Amino acid sequence: MANLVVDKNYYDRNIFKIEGPLSKSFVSTEEVSRGQVLAYDRDTGQVVKYVKGDSTKGIAFSVAMEDAKAGSKVLVATPGTVLNKNLLTGVILIKDFGVIEDLFKSGILLEEVKGYGT
């Protein structure tokens, strides 16, 4: 009998954005790097780095799709984007499950992408 299951989780390179729509620009108050989990500060109306447990920075909003300097525009993932969870920065997903939930509510899905030999 033939094996009908095909493992689709193996890629030969690092993949950050698996699929999804184009990103949207926001101004970041801090320097961010690609993969940084971001929060939306309702007090200032700006995008900031996610900080676990912080009342204004503790709800994950999106993920930076590129590096950006403080005060400049940063492309962030939009709803419908699927990202490689292994390349996120600023969180430890096995300790901070709320990030997964918050990003899911924002329409951003996280997948585990394994490379060859891992």
N, C-alpha and C. Protein backbone atom coordinates (compact mmCIF):
# COMPACT_ATOMS: atom_id res chain seq x y z
N MET A 1 0.84 -1.18 0.00
CA MET A 1 0.00 0.00 0.00
C MET A 1 0.89 1.24 0.00
N ALA A 2 0.58 2.20 -0.82
CA ALA A 2 1.38 3.42 -0.95
C ALA A 2 1.15 4.36 0.22
N ASN A 3 2.21 5.10 0.61
CA ASN A 3 2.10 6.10 1.66
C ASN A 3 1.51 7.37 1.05
N LEU A 4 0.34 7.77 1.55
CA LEU A 4 -0.34 8.94 1.01
C LEU A 4 -0.02 10.22 1.76
N VAL A 5 0.79 10.13 2.82
CA VAL A 5 1.13 11.29 3.63
C VAL A 5 2.45 11.87 3.13
N VAL A 6 2.45 13.14 2.84
CA VAL A 6 3.65 13.83 2.38
C VAL A 6 3.98 14.92 3.39
N ASP A 7 5.21 14.93 3.90
CA ASP A 7 5.62 15.94 4.88
C ASP A 7 5.96 17.22 4.13
N LYS A 8 5.21 18.28 4.37
CA LYS A 8 5.41 19.55 3.67
C LYS A 8 6.16 20.57 4.53
N ASN A 9 6.68 20.18 5.68
CA ASN A 9 7.31 21.13 6.60
C ASN A 9 8.83 21.21 6.44
N TYR A 10 9.38 20.71 5.37
CA TYR A 10 10.82 20.76 5.20
C TYR A 10 11.18 21.67 4.04
N TYR A 11 12.03 22.63 4.32
CA TYR A 11 12.47 23.60 3.32
C TYR A 11 13.99 23.65 3.33
N ASP A 12 14.59 24.01 2.22
CA ASP A 12 16.05 24.01 2.12
C ASP A 12 16.65 25.36 2.44
N ARG A 13 15.88 26.30 2.98
CA ARG A 13 16.41 27.62 3.32
C ARG A 13 15.58 28.20 4.46
N ASN A 14 16.08 29.26 5.06
CA ASN A 14 15.34 29.95 6.11
C ASN A 14 14.19 30.71 5.49
N ILE A 15 12.99 30.47 5.95
CA ILE A 15 11.83 31.16 5.43
C ILE A 15 11.15 31.89 6.58
N PHE A 16 10.98 33.19 6.45
CA PHE A 16 10.33 33.97 7.49
C PHE A 16 8.84 34.10 7.19
N LYS A 17 8.51 34.64 6.06
CA LYS A 17 7.12 34.79 5.67
C LYS A 17 6.75 33.64 4.77
N ILE A 18 5.85 32.80 5.23
CA ILE A 18 5.49 31.62 4.46
C ILE A 18 4.51 31.98 3.36
N GLU A 19 3.45 32.71 3.72
CA GLU A 19 2.48 33.15 2.72
C GLU A 19 1.66 34.27 3.32
N GLY A 20 0.92 34.95 2.50
CA GLY A 20 0.03 35.98 3.01
C GLY A 20 0.10 37.25 2.18
N PRO A 21 -0.74 38.21 2.56
CA PRO A 21 -0.82 39.46 1.81
C PRO A 21 0.39 40.35 2.06
N LEU A 22 0.40 41.47 1.38
CA LEU A 22 1.49 42.43 1.56
C LEU A 22 1.45 43.03 2.95
N SER A 23 2.56 43.59 3.38
CA SER A 23 2.66 44.19 4.70
C SER A 23 2.16 45.63 4.66
N LYS A 24 1.99 46.23 5.84
CA LYS A 24 1.54 47.61 5.98
C LYS A 24 2.56 48.36 6.81
N SER A 25 2.77 49.64 6.49
CA SER A 25 3.75 50.45 7.22
C SER A 25 3.13 51.13 8.44
N PHE A 26 3.88 51.14 9.54
CA PHE A 26 3.56 51.89 10.75
C PHE A 26 4.84 52.55 11.22
N VAL A 27 4.74 53.60 12.00
CA VAL A 27 5.92 54.24 12.58
C VAL A 27 6.23 53.54 13.90
N SER A 28 7.48 53.16 14.08
CA SER A 28 7.92 52.51 15.31
C SER A 28 8.67 53.50 16.17
N THR A 29 8.42 53.49 17.47
CA THR A 29 9.12 54.39 18.38
C THR A 29 10.49 53.87 18.74
N GLU A 30 10.73 52.58 18.46
CA GLU A 30 11.99 51.95 18.83
C GLU A 30 12.62 51.29 17.61
N GLU A 31 13.91 51.05 17.68
CA GLU A 31 14.58 50.30 16.62
C GLU A 31 14.11 48.85 16.70
N VAL A 32 13.73 48.29 15.57
CA VAL A 32 13.25 46.91 15.55
C VAL A 32 13.98 46.12 14.47
N SER A 33 14.00 44.83 14.66
CA SER A 33 14.60 43.95 13.66
C SER A 33 13.52 43.02 13.10
N ARG A 34 13.78 42.48 11.95
CA ARG A 34 12.83 41.57 11.30
C ARG A 34 12.50 40.43 12.25
N GLY A 35 11.22 40.16 12.41
CA GLY A 35 10.78 39.09 13.29
C GLY A 35 10.40 39.55 14.68
N GLN A 36 10.65 40.82 14.98
CA GLN A 36 10.32 41.37 16.31
C GLN A 36 8.80 41.39 16.50
N VAL A 37 8.34 40.82 17.60
CA VAL A 37 6.92 40.90 17.92
C VAL A 37 6.63 42.32 18.40
N LEU A 38 5.57 42.90 17.87
CA LEU A 38 5.24 44.30 18.15
C LEU A 38 3.90 44.41 18.87
N ALA A 39 3.77 45.50 19.62
CA ALA A 39 2.51 45.84 20.29
C ALA A 39 2.09 47.21 19.80
N TYR A 40 0.82 47.52 20.01
CA TYR A 40 0.30 48.84 19.65
C TYR A 40 0.02 49.58 20.94
N ASP A 41 0.75 50.66 21.16
CA ASP A 41 0.59 51.45 22.39
C ASP A 41 -0.61 52.37 22.22
N ARG A 42 -1.70 52.08 22.91
CA ARG A 42 -2.93 52.86 22.77
C ARG A 42 -2.78 54.27 23.35
N ASP A 43 -1.83 54.45 24.25
CA ASP A 43 -1.62 55.78 24.83
C ASP A 43 -0.97 56.74 23.85
N THR A 44 -0.04 56.23 23.02
CA THR A 44 0.68 57.09 22.08
C THR A 44 0.24 56.88 20.64
N GLY A 45 -0.45 55.77 20.36
CA GLY A 45 -0.87 55.49 18.99
C GLY A 45 0.26 55.03 18.09
N GLN A 46 1.33 54.51 18.70
CA GLN A 46 2.47 54.07 17.90
C GLN A 46 2.79 52.60 18.16
N VAL A 47 3.55 52.04 17.25
CA VAL A 47 3.97 50.65 17.35
C VAL A 47 5.25 50.58 18.19
N VAL A 48 5.28 49.66 19.15
CA VAL A 48 6.42 49.49 20.05
C VAL A 48 6.77 48.01 20.13
N LYS A 49 7.93 47.70 20.69
CA LYS A 49 8.31 46.31 20.92
C LYS A 49 7.40 45.71 22.00
N TYR A 50 7.01 44.49 21.78
CA TYR A 50 6.19 43.76 22.75
C TYR A 50 6.99 43.54 24.04
N VAL A 51 6.34 43.76 25.19
CA VAL A 51 6.95 43.52 26.49
C VAL A 51 5.95 42.72 27.32
N LYS A 52 6.29 41.49 27.64
CA LYS A 52 5.39 40.62 28.39
C LYS A 52 5.04 41.26 29.74
N GLY A 53 3.73 41.30 30.04
CA GLY A 53 3.26 41.79 31.32
C GLY A 53 3.10 43.29 31.42
N ASP A 54 3.53 44.04 30.43
CA ASP A 54 3.39 45.50 30.46
C ASP A 54 1.96 45.88 30.09
N SER A 55 1.38 46.84 30.80
CA SER A 55 -0.01 47.19 30.57
C SER A 55 -0.25 47.85 29.21
N THR A 56 0.72 48.57 28.67
CA THR A 56 0.53 49.21 27.37
C THR A 56 1.27 48.51 26.23
N LYS A 57 2.27 47.70 26.55
CA LYS A 57 3.06 47.02 25.52
C LYS A 57 2.91 45.50 25.57
N GLY A 58 1.96 45.01 26.36
CA GLY A 58 1.87 43.57 26.60
C GLY A 58 0.88 42.81 25.75
N ILE A 59 0.32 43.44 24.72
CA ILE A 59 -0.59 42.72 23.83
C ILE A 59 0.04 42.72 22.44
N ALA A 60 0.39 41.54 21.96
CA ALA A 60 1.02 41.42 20.65
C ALA A 60 0.05 41.89 19.57
N PHE A 61 0.55 42.71 18.67
CA PHE A 61 -0.26 43.33 17.62
C PHE A 61 0.11 42.78 16.24
N SER A 62 1.41 42.68 15.99
CA SER A 62 1.89 42.22 14.70
C SER A 62 3.36 41.84 14.82
N VAL A 63 4.00 41.63 13.69
CA VAL A 63 5.41 41.24 13.64
C VAL A 63 6.11 42.10 12.59
N ALA A 64 7.29 42.61 12.92
CA ALA A 64 8.06 43.41 11.97
C ALA A 64 8.54 42.52 10.82
N MET A 65 8.33 43.01 9.61
CA MET A 65 8.73 42.25 8.42
C MET A 65 10.10 42.68 7.90
N GLU A 66 10.69 43.70 8.54
CA GLU A 66 12.00 44.21 8.13
C GLU A 66 12.64 44.93 9.30
N ASP A 67 13.91 45.22 9.18
CA ASP A 67 14.60 46.04 10.18
C ASP A 67 14.19 47.49 9.98
N ALA A 68 14.10 48.23 11.10
CA ALA A 68 13.76 49.66 11.00
C ALA A 68 14.37 50.41 12.16
N LYS A 69 14.76 51.64 11.90
CA LYS A 69 15.31 52.50 12.95
C LYS A 69 14.18 53.16 13.72
N ALA A 70 14.49 53.62 14.93
CA ALA A 70 13.50 54.31 15.76
C ALA A 70 12.98 55.54 15.03
N GLY A 71 11.67 55.74 15.07
CA GLY A 71 11.06 56.90 14.44
C GLY A 71 10.81 56.77 12.96
N SER A 72 11.17 55.63 12.39
CA SER A 72 10.93 55.45 10.96
C SER A 72 9.82 54.43 10.73
N LYS A 73 9.40 54.33 9.49
CA LYS A 73 8.34 53.38 9.14
C LYS A 73 8.88 51.95 9.18
N VAL A 74 8.05 51.05 9.65
CA VAL A 74 8.39 49.63 9.65
C VAL A 74 7.23 48.87 9.03
N LEU A 75 7.55 47.94 8.15
CA LEU A 75 6.51 47.09 7.57
C LEU A 75 6.13 46.03 8.59
N VAL A 76 4.83 45.87 8.82
CA VAL A 76 4.35 44.86 9.76
C VAL A 76 3.45 43.87 9.03
N ALA A 77 3.37 42.67 9.55
CA ALA A 77 2.52 41.65 8.97
C ALA A 77 1.06 42.05 9.09
N THR A 78 0.29 41.79 8.05
CA THR A 78 -1.14 42.10 8.05
C THR A 78 -1.94 40.82 8.26
N PRO A 79 -3.23 40.94 8.59
CA PRO A 79 -4.06 39.74 8.77
C PRO A 79 -3.99 38.84 7.55
N GLY A 80 -3.90 37.55 7.80
CA GLY A 80 -3.79 36.57 6.73
C GLY A 80 -2.38 36.11 6.47
N THR A 81 -1.40 36.69 7.17
CA THR A 81 0.00 36.33 6.98
C THR A 81 0.33 35.10 7.81
N VAL A 82 1.13 34.20 7.26
CA VAL A 82 1.62 33.03 7.97
C VAL A 82 3.13 33.18 8.10
N LEU A 83 3.63 33.12 9.34
CA LEU A 83 5.05 33.34 9.60
C LEU A 83 5.69 32.12 10.24
N ASN A 84 7.00 32.01 10.05
CA ASN A 84 7.79 30.96 10.68
C ASN A 84 8.01 31.34 12.14
N LYS A 85 7.41 30.60 13.06
CA LYS A 85 7.49 30.96 14.48
C LYS A 85 8.90 30.84 15.03
N ASN A 86 9.76 30.08 14.39
CA ASN A 86 11.13 29.91 14.87
C ASN A 86 11.99 31.15 14.64
N LEU A 87 11.53 32.08 13.83
CA LEU A 87 12.31 33.27 13.53
C LEU A 87 11.80 34.53 14.21
N LEU A 88 10.83 34.38 15.14
CA LEU A 88 10.34 35.53 15.90
C LEU A 88 11.37 35.92 16.95
N THR A 89 11.46 37.22 17.24
CA THR A 89 12.34 37.71 18.29
C THR A 89 11.53 38.53 19.28
N GLY A 90 12.05 38.63 20.49
CA GLY A 90 11.39 39.42 21.52
C GLY A 90 10.42 38.63 22.38
N VAL A 91 10.25 37.35 22.09
CA VAL A 91 9.37 36.49 22.90
C VAL A 91 9.96 35.09 23.00
N ILE A 92 9.54 34.38 24.01
CA ILE A 92 9.83 32.95 24.14
C ILE A 92 8.47 32.26 24.11
N LEU A 93 8.12 31.70 22.98
CA LEU A 93 6.77 31.19 22.77
C LEU A 93 6.39 30.06 23.73
N ILE A 94 7.37 29.28 24.20
CA ILE A 94 7.02 28.19 25.12
C ILE A 94 6.72 28.71 26.52
N LYS A 95 7.00 29.99 26.77
CA LYS A 95 6.69 30.59 28.07
C LYS A 95 5.60 31.65 27.98
N ASP A 96 5.35 32.17 26.80
CA ASP A 96 4.40 33.25 26.62
C ASP A 96 3.35 32.88 25.58
N PHE A 97 2.40 32.05 26.00
CA PHE A 97 1.38 31.56 25.08
C PHE A 97 0.44 32.67 24.63
N GLY A 98 0.34 33.75 25.40
CA GLY A 98 -0.54 34.85 25.05
C GLY A 98 -0.19 35.49 23.72
N VAL A 99 1.08 35.46 23.36
CA VAL A 99 1.51 36.03 22.07
C VAL A 99 0.87 35.27 20.92
N ILE A 100 0.85 33.96 21.01
CA ILE A 100 0.25 33.15 19.95
C ILE A 100 -1.23 33.51 19.81
N GLU A 101 -1.92 33.63 20.94
CA GLU A 101 -3.34 33.99 20.93
C GLU A 101 -3.56 35.39 20.37
N ASP A 102 -2.76 36.35 20.83
CA ASP A 102 -2.91 37.74 20.37
C ASP A 102 -2.68 37.85 18.87
N LEU A 103 -1.63 37.19 18.36
CA LEU A 103 -1.35 37.25 16.93
C LEU A 103 -2.45 36.56 16.14
N PHE A 104 -2.97 35.46 16.68
CA PHE A 104 -4.07 34.75 16.03
C PHE A 104 -5.29 35.66 15.91
N LYS A 105 -5.58 36.41 16.99
CA LYS A 105 -6.70 37.36 16.96
C LYS A 105 -6.46 38.46 15.92
N SER A 106 -5.21 38.78 15.64
CA SER A 106 -4.87 39.77 14.63
C SER A 106 -4.84 39.17 13.23
N GLY A 107 -5.11 37.87 13.13
CA GLY A 107 -5.12 37.21 11.82
C GLY A 107 -3.76 36.76 11.34
N ILE A 108 -2.78 36.71 12.26
CA ILE A 108 -1.43 36.28 11.90
C ILE A 108 -1.21 34.89 12.48
N LEU A 109 -0.88 33.95 11.61
CA LEU A 109 -0.69 32.57 12.02
C LEU A 109 0.79 32.24 12.10
N LEU A 110 1.14 31.41 13.06
CA LEU A 110 2.53 30.98 13.22
C LEU A 110 2.65 29.52 12.88
N GLU A 111 3.61 29.18 12.07
CA GLU A 111 3.89 27.80 11.69
C GLU A 111 5.32 27.47 12.07
N GLU A 112 5.56 26.20 12.34
CA GLU A 112 6.92 25.75 12.59
C GLU A 112 7.48 25.24 11.28
N VAL A 113 8.57 25.86 10.83
CA VAL A 113 9.21 25.45 9.59
C VAL A 113 10.55 24.86 9.93
N LYS A 114 10.74 23.61 9.58
CA LYS A 114 12.00 22.92 9.87
C LYS A 114 12.85 22.88 8.61
N GLY A 115 14.14 23.10 8.78
CA GLY A 115 15.06 22.98 7.66
C GLY A 115 15.60 21.56 7.59
N TYR A 116 16.29 21.25 6.56
CA TYR A 116 16.89 19.93 6.45
C TYR A 116 17.88 19.72 7.56
N GLY A 117 17.86 18.56 8.16
CA GLY A 117 18.82 18.23 9.20
C GLY A 117 18.42 18.71 10.58
N THR A 118 17.22 19.27 10.74
CA THR A 118 16.78 19.70 12.08
C THR A 118 15.66 18.85 12.58
